[in-house]
Amino acid sequence: MKLLDRRILVTGGSSGIGKAIAELLVRSGAKVAITGRDKEKLNRVSKENGFLGIPLDISSDSEIENCFNTIDNKWGGLDVLVNNAGIGSFPQTEDVTREELRKVYDVNVFGTAVMTKNAVNIFKFQGKGNLVNIISTSALKGSNGGTIYSGSKFALRGMSLSWFEELRQYNIRVININPGATTTAFFSSDRTVPNPKNNELLPIDIAKVVKNTLEQDDRVLVQETTLFINNPF
């Protein structure tokens, strides 16, 4: 797929991996919309980079509906949805609560599924589309304190593999990207980005994989890519 003038929606695009993906794709000639919950940050990042900024909490079905109405009004269609938005919680097993499970699953699983539902309706009508899911290596293995976060990522990967099987017949490519530990503000309470570490990926590493995968010929589908740091110790 050629990226020039392609209409791309990136959730969680005002910082970290989502921002890096959006920046690289817009530099490649795509029309890019990003979503975020922090309206001030969303507007600033969108203005700086030429994105269409759409305020969105993906745990809200009504806000998802408003997001896709905006996309329809602005672009009249969509070529790529990048499901990147996600949150985490890492209690030990004996400290897990139903409330915290719901909070994380509402975003990482339920919200992503509803975003995908809306995009797939557009893709089927158009006869083509691309669905990119930023998942995690946490979807491939368990971890200490991973009951909630890893569980949600296993669920997301399971849904995505099902979408792959279901949607190929409609000319819809479903692509899974599983990044390992990445330097972002994900674990920072004040949302500041820490200094890069030698044993962590950078957001641009993931962005390059997304771009290169989308640019494969339309007949080619790279189902899943996993990124690790080489020699991390």
C-alpha atoms as a PDB file:
ATOM      1  CA  MET A   1       0.000   0.000   0.000  1.00  0.00           C
ATOM      2  CA  LYS A   2       1.246   3.463  -0.857  1.00  0.00           C
ATOM      3  CA  LEU A   3       0.930   5.812   2.123  1.00  0.00           C
ATOM      4  CA  LEU A   4       0.404   9.011   0.153  1.00  0.00           C
ATOM      5  CA  ASP A   5      -3.007  10.483   1.075  1.00  0.00           C
ATOM      6  CA  ARG A   6      -4.053   7.358   2.968  1.00  0.00           C
ATOM      7  CA  ARG A   7      -6.462   8.105   5.833  1.00  0.00           C
ATOM      8  CA  ILE A   8      -5.051   6.747   9.081  1.00  0.00           C
ATOM      9  CA  LEU A   9      -6.431   6.863  12.623  1.00  0.00           C
ATOM     10  CA  VAL A  10      -4.025   6.234  15.530  1.00  0.00           C
ATOM     11  CA  THR A  11      -5.473   5.852  19.020  1.00  0.00           C
ATOM     12  CA  GLY A  12      -3.382   7.093  21.914  1.00  0.00           C
ATOM     13  CA  GLY A  13      -1.422   9.200  19.460  1.00  0.00           C
ATOM     14  CA  SER A  14      -0.417  12.218  21.529  1.00  0.00           C
ATOM     15  CA  SER A  15       2.630  10.579  23.109  1.00  0.00           C
ATOM     16  CA  GLY A  16       4.898   7.547  23.092  1.00  0.00           C
ATOM     17  CA  ILE A  17       4.531   4.810  20.509  1.00  0.00           C
ATOM     18  CA  GLY A  18       1.323   6.250  19.034  1.00  0.00           C
ATOM     19  CA  LYS A  19       2.886   9.674  18.512  1.00  0.00           C
ATOM     20  CA  ALA A  20       5.965   8.179  16.857  1.00  0.00           C
ATOM     21  CA  ILE A  21       3.767   6.131  14.507  1.00  0.00           C
ATOM     22  CA  ALA A  22       1.630   9.162  13.626  1.00  0.00           C
ATOM     23  CA  GLU A  23       4.668  11.386  13.016  1.00  0.00           C
ATOM     24  CA  LEU A  24       6.352   8.883  10.719  1.00  0.00           C
ATOM     25  CA  LEU A  25       3.186   8.201   8.734  1.00  0.00           C
ATOM     26  CA  VAL A  26       2.354  11.872   8.235  1.00  0.00           C
ATOM     27  CA  ARG A  27       5.936  12.490   7.037  1.00  0.00           C
ATOM     28  CA  SER A  28       5.307   9.711   4.526  1.00  0.00           C
ATOM     29  CA  GLY A  29       2.376  11.639   3.046  1.00  0.00           C
ATOM     30  CA  ALA A  30      -0.552  10.097   4.903  1.00  0.00           C
ATOM     31  CA  LYS A  31      -3.473  11.987   6.404  1.00  0.00           C
ATOM     32  CA  VAL A  32      -3.300  11.161  10.096  1.00  0.00           C
ATOM     33  CA  ALA A  33      -5.818  11.575  12.911  1.00  0.00           C
ATOM     34  CA  ILE A  34      -4.828  10.881  16.498  1.00  0.00           C
ATOM     35  CA  THR A  35      -6.907  10.415  19.616  1.00  0.00           C
ATOM     36  CA  GLY A  36      -6.166  11.147  23.257  1.00  0.00           C
ATOM     37  CA  ARG A  37      -7.856  11.829  26.578  1.00  0.00           C
ATOM     38  CA  ASP A  38      -5.822  14.931  27.481  1.00  0.00           C
ATOM     39  CA  LYS A  39      -7.390  17.571  25.216  1.00  0.00           C
ATOM     40  CA  GLU A  40      -4.728  20.225  25.829  1.00  0.00           C
ATOM     41  CA  LYS A  41      -1.898  17.833  24.974  1.00  0.00           C
ATOM     42  CA  LEU A  42      -3.848  16.404  22.047  1.00  0.00           C
ATOM     43  CA  ASN A  43      -4.417  19.852  20.537  1.00  0.00           C
ATOM     44  CA  ARG A  44      -0.795  20.882  21.014  1.00  0.00           C
ATOM     45  CA  VAL A  45       0.661  17.735  19.435  1.00  0.00           C
ATOM     46  CA  SER A  46      -1.858  17.841  16.575  1.00  0.00           C
ATOM     47  CA  LYS A  47      -1.063  21.473  15.784  1.00  0.00           C
ATOM     48  CA  GLU A  48       2.693  20.835  15.873  1.00  0.00           C
ATOM     49  CA  ASN A  49       2.496  17.876  13.492  1.00  0.00           C
ATOM     50  CA  GLY A  50      -0.450  18.560  11.207  1.00  0.00           C
ATOM     51  CA  PHE A  51      -2.644  15.811  12.679  1.00  0.00           C
ATOM     52  CA  LEU A  52      -6.402  15.814  13.007  1.00  0.00           C
ATOM     53  CA  GLY A  53      -6.882  15.618  16.782  1.00  0.00           C
ATOM     54  CA  ILE A  54      -9.960  13.845  18.125  1.00  0.00           C
ATOM     55  CA  PRO A  55     -10.592  13.777  21.896  1.00  0.00           C
ATOM     56  CA  LEU A  56     -11.444  10.215  22.865  1.00  0.00           C
ATOM     57  CA  ASP A  57     -11.671   7.931  25.851  1.00  0.00           C
ATOM     58  CA  ILE A  58     -12.054   4.529  24.194  1.00  0.00           C
ATOM     59  CA  SER A  59     -13.798   3.110  27.231  1.00  0.00           C
ATOM     60  CA  SER A  60     -16.808   5.249  26.173  1.00  0.00           C
ATOM     61  CA  ASP A  61     -18.967   3.921  23.324  1.00  0.00           C
ATOM     62  CA  SER A  62     -20.534   7.351  22.763  1.00  0.00           C
ATOM     63  CA  GLU A  63     -17.105   8.957  22.363  1.00  0.00           C
ATOM     64  CA  ILE A  64     -16.092   6.216  19.926  1.00  0.00           C
ATOM     65  CA  GLU A  65     -19.228   6.950  17.895  1.00  0.00           C
ATOM     66  CA  ASN A  66     -18.357  10.666  17.874  1.00  0.00           C
ATOM     67  CA  CYS A  67     -14.817   9.831  16.762  1.00  0.00           C
ATOM     68  CA  PHE A  68     -15.990   7.867  13.733  1.00  0.00           C
ATOM     69  CA  ASN A  69     -18.572  10.522  12.887  1.00  0.00           C
ATOM     70  CA  THR A  70     -15.709  13.030  12.795  1.00  0.00           C
ATOM     71  CA  ILE A  71     -13.676  10.740  10.536  1.00  0.00           C
ATOM     72  CA  ASP A  72     -16.646  10.326   8.199  1.00  0.00           C
ATOM     73  CA  ASN A  73     -17.320  14.067   8.082  1.00  0.00           C
ATOM     74  CA  LYS A  74     -13.677  14.972   7.486  1.00  0.00           C
ATOM     75  CA  TRP A  75     -12.519  12.165   5.218  1.00  0.00           C
ATOM     76  CA  GLY A  76     -15.521  10.118   4.112  1.00  0.00           C
ATOM     77  CA  GLY A  77     -13.702   6.877   4.857  1.00  0.00           C
ATOM     78  CA  LEU A  78     -10.690   5.281   6.517  1.00  0.00           C
ATOM     79  CA  ASP A  79      -7.782   3.213   5.216  1.00  0.00           C
ATOM     80  CA  VAL A  80      -5.976   2.243   8.413  1.00  0.00           C
ATOM     81  CA  LEU A  81      -6.864   1.957  12.101  1.00  0.00           C
ATOM     82  CA  VAL A  82      -3.909   1.662  14.466  1.00  0.00           C
ATOM     83  CA  ASN A  83      -5.168   0.373  17.818  1.00  0.00           C
ATOM     84  CA  ASN A  84      -2.477   1.723  20.120  1.00  0.00           C
ATOM     85  CA  ALA A  85      -4.273   3.156  23.172  1.00  0.00           C
ATOM     86  CA  GLY A  86      -3.747   1.144  26.309  1.00  0.00           C
ATOM     87  CA  ILE A  87      -3.323   1.366  30.071  1.00  0.00           C
ATOM     88  CA  GLY A  88      -1.750  -0.876  32.689  1.00  0.00           C
ATOM     89  CA  SER A  89      -2.066  -2.100  36.245  1.00  0.00           C
ATOM     90  CA  PHE A  90       0.385  -4.495  37.884  1.00  0.00           C
ATOM     91  CA  PRO A  91      -0.801  -5.728  41.290  1.00  0.00           C
ATOM     92  CA  GLN A  92       0.286  -8.986  42.838  1.00  0.00           C
ATOM     93  CA  THR A  93      -2.335 -11.717  42.546  1.00  0.00           C
ATOM     94  CA  GLU A  94      -3.621 -11.299  46.093  1.00  0.00           C
ATOM     95  CA  ASP A  95      -4.206  -7.581  45.465  1.00  0.00           C
ATOM     96  CA  VAL A  96      -6.216  -7.890  42.235  1.00  0.00           C
ATOM     97  CA  THR A  97      -9.629  -6.213  42.340  1.00  0.00           C
ATOM     98  CA  ARG A  98     -12.605  -6.461  40.028  1.00  0.00           C
ATOM     99  CA  GLU A  99     -12.612  -2.666  39.761  1.00  0.00           C
ATOM    100  CA  GLU A 100      -9.042  -2.553  38.459  1.00  0.00           C
ATOM    101  CA  LEU A 101      -9.690  -5.449  36.091  1.00  0.00           C
ATOM    102  CA  ARG A 102     -12.669  -3.604  34.616  1.00  0.00           C
ATOM    103  CA  LYS A 103     -10.697  -0.366  34.288  1.00  0.00           C
ATOM    104  CA  VAL A 104      -7.913  -1.949  32.243  1.00  0.00           C
ATOM    105  CA  TYR A 105     -10.109  -4.297  30.217  1.00  0.00           C
ATOM    106  CA  ASP A 106     -12.483  -1.431  29.359  1.00  0.00           C
ATOM    107  CA  VAL A 107      -9.627   0.189  27.448  1.00  0.00           C
ATOM    108  CA  ASN A 108      -7.292  -2.589  26.315  1.00  0.00           C
ATOM    109  CA  VAL A 109      -9.959  -5.131  25.365  1.00  0.00           C
ATOM    110  CA  PHE A 110     -13.517  -3.793  25.200  1.00  0.00           C
ATOM    111  CA  GLY A 111     -12.638  -0.334  23.864  1.00  0.00           C
ATOM    112  CA  THR A 112     -10.277  -1.752  21.261  1.00  0.00           C
ATOM    113  CA  ALA A 113     -12.935  -4.232  20.149  1.00  0.00           C
ATOM    114  CA  VAL A 114     -15.520  -1.465  19.689  1.00  0.00           C
ATOM    115  CA  MET A 115     -13.016   0.712  17.802  1.00  0.00           C
ATOM    116  CA  THR A 116     -12.313  -2.255  15.545  1.00  0.00           C
ATOM    117  CA  LYS A 117     -16.018  -2.952  15.014  1.00  0.00           C
ATOM    118  CA  ASN A 118     -16.558   0.584  13.723  1.00  0.00           C
ATOM    119  CA  ALA A 119     -13.503   0.488  11.479  1.00  0.00           C
ATOM    120  CA  VAL A 120     -14.435  -2.912  10.033  1.00  0.00           C
ATOM    121  CA  ASN A 121     -17.863  -1.618   9.032  1.00  0.00           C
ATOM    122  CA  ILE A 122     -16.074   1.051   6.982  1.00  0.00           C
ATOM    123  CA  PHE A 123     -13.519  -1.384   5.558  1.00  0.00           C
ATOM    124  CA  LYS A 124     -16.185  -3.857   4.426  1.00  0.00           C
ATOM    125  CA  PHE A 125     -18.144  -1.095   2.727  1.00  0.00           C
ATOM    126  CA  GLN A 126     -14.981   0.061   0.927  1.00  0.00           C
ATOM    127  CA  GLY A 127     -13.869  -3.468   0.075  1.00  0.00           C
ATOM    128  CA  LYS A 128     -10.472  -3.045   1.775  1.00  0.00           C
ATOM    129  CA  GLY A 129      -8.730  -1.775   4.894  1.00  0.00           C
ATOM    130  CA  ASN A 130      -5.871  -2.273   7.326  1.00  0.00           C
ATOM    131  CA  LEU A 131      -6.088  -2.983  11.029  1.00  0.00           C
ATOM    132  CA  VAL A 132      -2.862  -2.626  13.039  1.00  0.00           C
ATOM    133  CA  ASN A 133      -2.918  -3.733  16.675  1.00  0.00           C
ATOM    134  CA  ILE A 134      -0.088  -2.620  18.938  1.00  0.00           C
ATOM    135  CA  ILE A 135      -0.131  -5.443  21.464  1.00  0.00           C
ATOM    136  CA  SER A 136       2.916  -6.441  23.568  1.00  0.00           C
ATOM    137  CA  THR A 137       5.338  -9.233  24.287  1.00  0.00           C
ATOM    138  CA  SER A 138       3.233  -9.470  27.461  1.00  0.00           C
ATOM    139  CA  ALA A 139       0.688 -11.224  25.213  1.00  0.00           C
ATOM    140  CA  LEU A 140       3.203 -14.010  24.629  1.00  0.00           C
ATOM    141  CA  LYS A 141       4.236 -14.837  28.180  1.00  0.00           C
ATOM    142  CA  GLY A 142       3.160 -14.288  31.756  1.00  0.00           C
ATOM    143  CA  SER A 143       4.990 -11.989  34.152  1.00  0.00           C
ATOM    144  CA  ASN A 144       5.251 -11.223  37.843  1.00  0.00           C
ATOM    145  CA  GLY A 145       2.391  -8.825  38.539  1.00  0.00           C
ATOM    146  CA  GLY A 146       0.922  -9.428  35.092  1.00  0.00           C
ATOM    147  CA  THR A 147      -2.512 -10.805  36.037  1.00  0.00           C
ATOM    148  CA  ILE A 148      -4.342  -7.721  34.792  1.00  0.00           C
ATOM    149  CA  TYR A 149      -2.077  -6.207  32.118  1.00  0.00           C
ATOM    150  CA  SER A 150      -0.750  -9.418  30.561  1.00  0.00           C
ATOM    151  CA  GLY A 151      -4.215 -10.929  30.801  1.00  0.00           C
ATOM    152  CA  SER A 152      -5.665  -8.015  28.845  1.00  0.00           C
ATOM    153  CA  LYS A 153      -2.956  -8.294  26.197  1.00  0.00           C
ATOM    154  CA  PHE A 154      -3.500 -12.051  25.846  1.00  0.00           C
ATOM    155  CA  ALA A 155      -7.190 -11.250  25.312  1.00  0.00           C
ATOM    156  CA  LEU A 156      -6.390  -8.581  22.727  1.00  0.00           C
ATOM    157  CA  ARG A 157      -4.052 -10.890  20.844  1.00  0.00           C
ATOM    158  CA  GLY A 158      -6.688 -13.623  20.881  1.00  0.00           C
ATOM    159  CA  MET A 159      -9.245 -11.228  19.412  1.00  0.00           C
ATOM    160  CA  SER A 160      -6.775 -10.023  16.814  1.00  0.00           C
ATOM    161  CA  LEU A 161      -5.894 -13.538  15.665  1.00  0.00           C
ATOM    162  CA  SER A 162      -9.628 -14.191  15.326  1.00  0.00           C
ATOM    163  CA  TRP A 163     -10.049 -10.981  13.299  1.00  0.00           C
ATOM    164  CA  PHE A 164      -7.225 -12.185  11.058  1.00  0.00           C
ATOM    165  CA  GLU A 165      -9.069 -15.414  10.297  1.00  0.00           C
ATOM    166  CA  GLU A 166     -12.439 -13.692   9.862  1.00  0.00           C
ATOM    167  CA  LEU A 167     -11.525 -10.638   7.807  1.00  0.00           C
ATOM    168  CA  ARG A 168      -9.018 -11.826   5.185  1.00  0.00           C
ATOM    169  CA  GLN A 169     -11.900 -12.803   2.891  1.00  0.00           C
ATOM    170  CA  TYR A 170     -12.983  -9.136   2.858  1.00  0.00           C
ATOM    171  CA  ASN A 171      -9.561  -7.857   1.761  1.00  0.00           C
ATOM    172  CA  ILE A 172      -8.863  -6.510   5.266  1.00  0.00           C
ATOM    173  CA  ARG A 173      -5.314  -6.955   6.540  1.00  0.00           C
ATOM    174  CA  VAL A 174      -4.984  -7.570  10.298  1.00  0.00           C
ATOM    175  CA  ILE A 175      -1.477  -6.918  11.598  1.00  0.00           C
ATOM    176  CA  ASN A 176      -0.182  -7.589  15.125  1.00  0.00           C
ATOM    177  CA  ILE A 177       2.857  -5.743  16.473  1.00  0.00           C
ATOM    178  CA  ASN A 178       4.286  -7.019  19.767  1.00  0.00           C
ATOM    179  CA  PRO A 179       6.854  -4.581  21.189  1.00  0.00           C
ATOM    180  CA  GLY A 180       9.056  -5.497  24.119  1.00  0.00           C
ATOM    181  CA  ALA A 181       9.948  -2.967  26.827  1.00  0.00           C
ATOM    182  CA  THR A 182       9.931   0.509  25.265  1.00  0.00           C
ATOM    183  CA  THR A 183      11.055   3.867  26.640  1.00  0.00           C
ATOM    184  CA  THR A 184       7.827   5.860  27.040  1.00  0.00           C
ATOM    185  CA  ALA A 185       5.911   7.628  29.805  1.00  0.00           C
ATOM    186  CA  PHE A 186       3.794   4.490  30.369  1.00  0.00           C
ATOM    187  CA  PHE A 187       5.186   3.854  33.848  1.00  0.00           C
ATOM    188  CA  SER A 188       5.651   7.523  34.773  1.00  0.00           C
ATOM    189  CA  SER A 189       3.075   8.960  37.182  1.00  0.00           C
ATOM    190  CA  ASP A 190       3.711  12.516  35.931  1.00  0.00           C
ATOM    191  CA  ARG A 191       3.744  11.385  32.258  1.00  0.00           C
ATOM    192  CA  THR A 192       7.348  12.503  31.687  1.00  0.00           C
ATOM    193  CA  VAL A 193       9.444  10.395  29.335  1.00  0.00           C
ATOM    194  CA  PRO A 194      12.536   8.901  31.007  1.00  0.00           C
ATOM    195  CA  ASN A 195      15.953   8.877  29.386  1.00  0.00           C
ATOM    196  CA  PRO A 196      16.377   6.054  26.863  1.00  0.00           C
ATOM    197  CA  LYS A 197      17.820   2.826  28.252  1.00  0.00           C
ATOM    198  CA  ASN A 198      20.156   0.459  26.438  1.00  0.00           C
ATOM    199  CA  ASN A 199      17.860  -2.473  27.193  1.00  0.00           C
ATOM    200  CA  GLU A 200      14.661  -0.858  25.876  1.00  0.00           C
ATOM    201  CA  LEU A 201      13.226  -0.155  22.453  1.00  0.00           C
ATOM    202  CA  LEU A 202      12.459   3.378  21.279  1.00  0.00           C
ATOM    203  CA  PRO A 203       9.018   4.393  19.962  1.00  0.00           C
ATOM    204  CA  ILE A 204      10.514   5.054  16.523  1.00  0.00           C
ATOM    205  CA  ASP A 205      11.555   1.383  16.330  1.00  0.00           C
ATOM    206  CA  ILE A 206       7.923   0.325  16.485  1.00  0.00           C
ATOM    207  CA  ALA A 207       6.852   3.127  14.141  1.00  0.00           C
ATOM    208  CA  LYS A 208       9.270   1.933  11.460  1.00  0.00           C
ATOM    209  CA  VAL A 209       7.868  -1.589  11.629  1.00  0.00           C
ATOM    210  CA  VAL A 210       4.305  -0.278  11.272  1.00  0.00           C
ATOM    211  CA  LYS A 211       5.265   1.855   8.262  1.00  0.00           C
ATOM    212  CA  ASN A 212       7.237  -0.895   6.539  1.00  0.00           C
ATOM    213  CA  THR A 213       4.477  -3.450   7.108  1.00  0.00           C
ATOM    214  CA  LEU A 214       1.761  -1.180   5.734  1.00  0.00           C
ATOM    215  CA  GLU A 215       3.899  -0.410   2.683  1.00  0.00           C
ATOM    216  CA  GLN A 216       3.988  -4.066   1.655  1.00  0.00           C
ATOM    217  CA  ASP A 217       2.084  -4.745  -1.545  1.00  0.00           C
ATOM    218  CA  ASP A 218      -1.636  -5.162  -0.879  1.00  0.00           C
ATOM    219  CA  ARG A 219      -1.398  -8.868  -1.742  1.00  0.00           C
ATOM    220  CA  VAL A 220       1.128  -9.363   1.111  1.00  0.00           C
ATOM    221  CA  LEU A 221      -0.001  -9.724   4.726  1.00  0.00           C
ATOM    222  CA  VAL A 222       2.521  -9.732   7.560  1.00  0.00           C
ATOM    223  CA  GLN A 223       0.357 -11.221  10.281  1.00  0.00           C
ATOM    224  CA  GLU A 224       2.557 -10.660  13.330  1.00  0.00           C
ATOM    225  CA  THR A 225       5.886  -9.087  14.229  1.00  0.00           C
ATOM    226  CA  THR A 226       7.592  -9.182  17.625  1.00  0.00           C
ATOM    227  CA  LEU A 227      10.332  -6.733  18.602  1.00  0.00           C
ATOM    228  CA  PHE A 228      13.011  -7.386  21.204  1.00  0.00           C
ATOM    229  CA  ILE A 229      16.234  -5.641  22.142  1.00  0.00           C
ATOM    230  CA  ASN A 230      19.222  -7.592  20.872  1.00  0.00           C
ATOM    231  CA  ASN A 231      21.660  -8.549  23.673  1.00  0.00           C
ATOM    232  CA  PRO A 232      19.808  -6.581  26.396  1.00  0.00           C
ATOM    233  CA  PHE A 233      22.173  -7.318  29.289  1.00  0.00           C
END
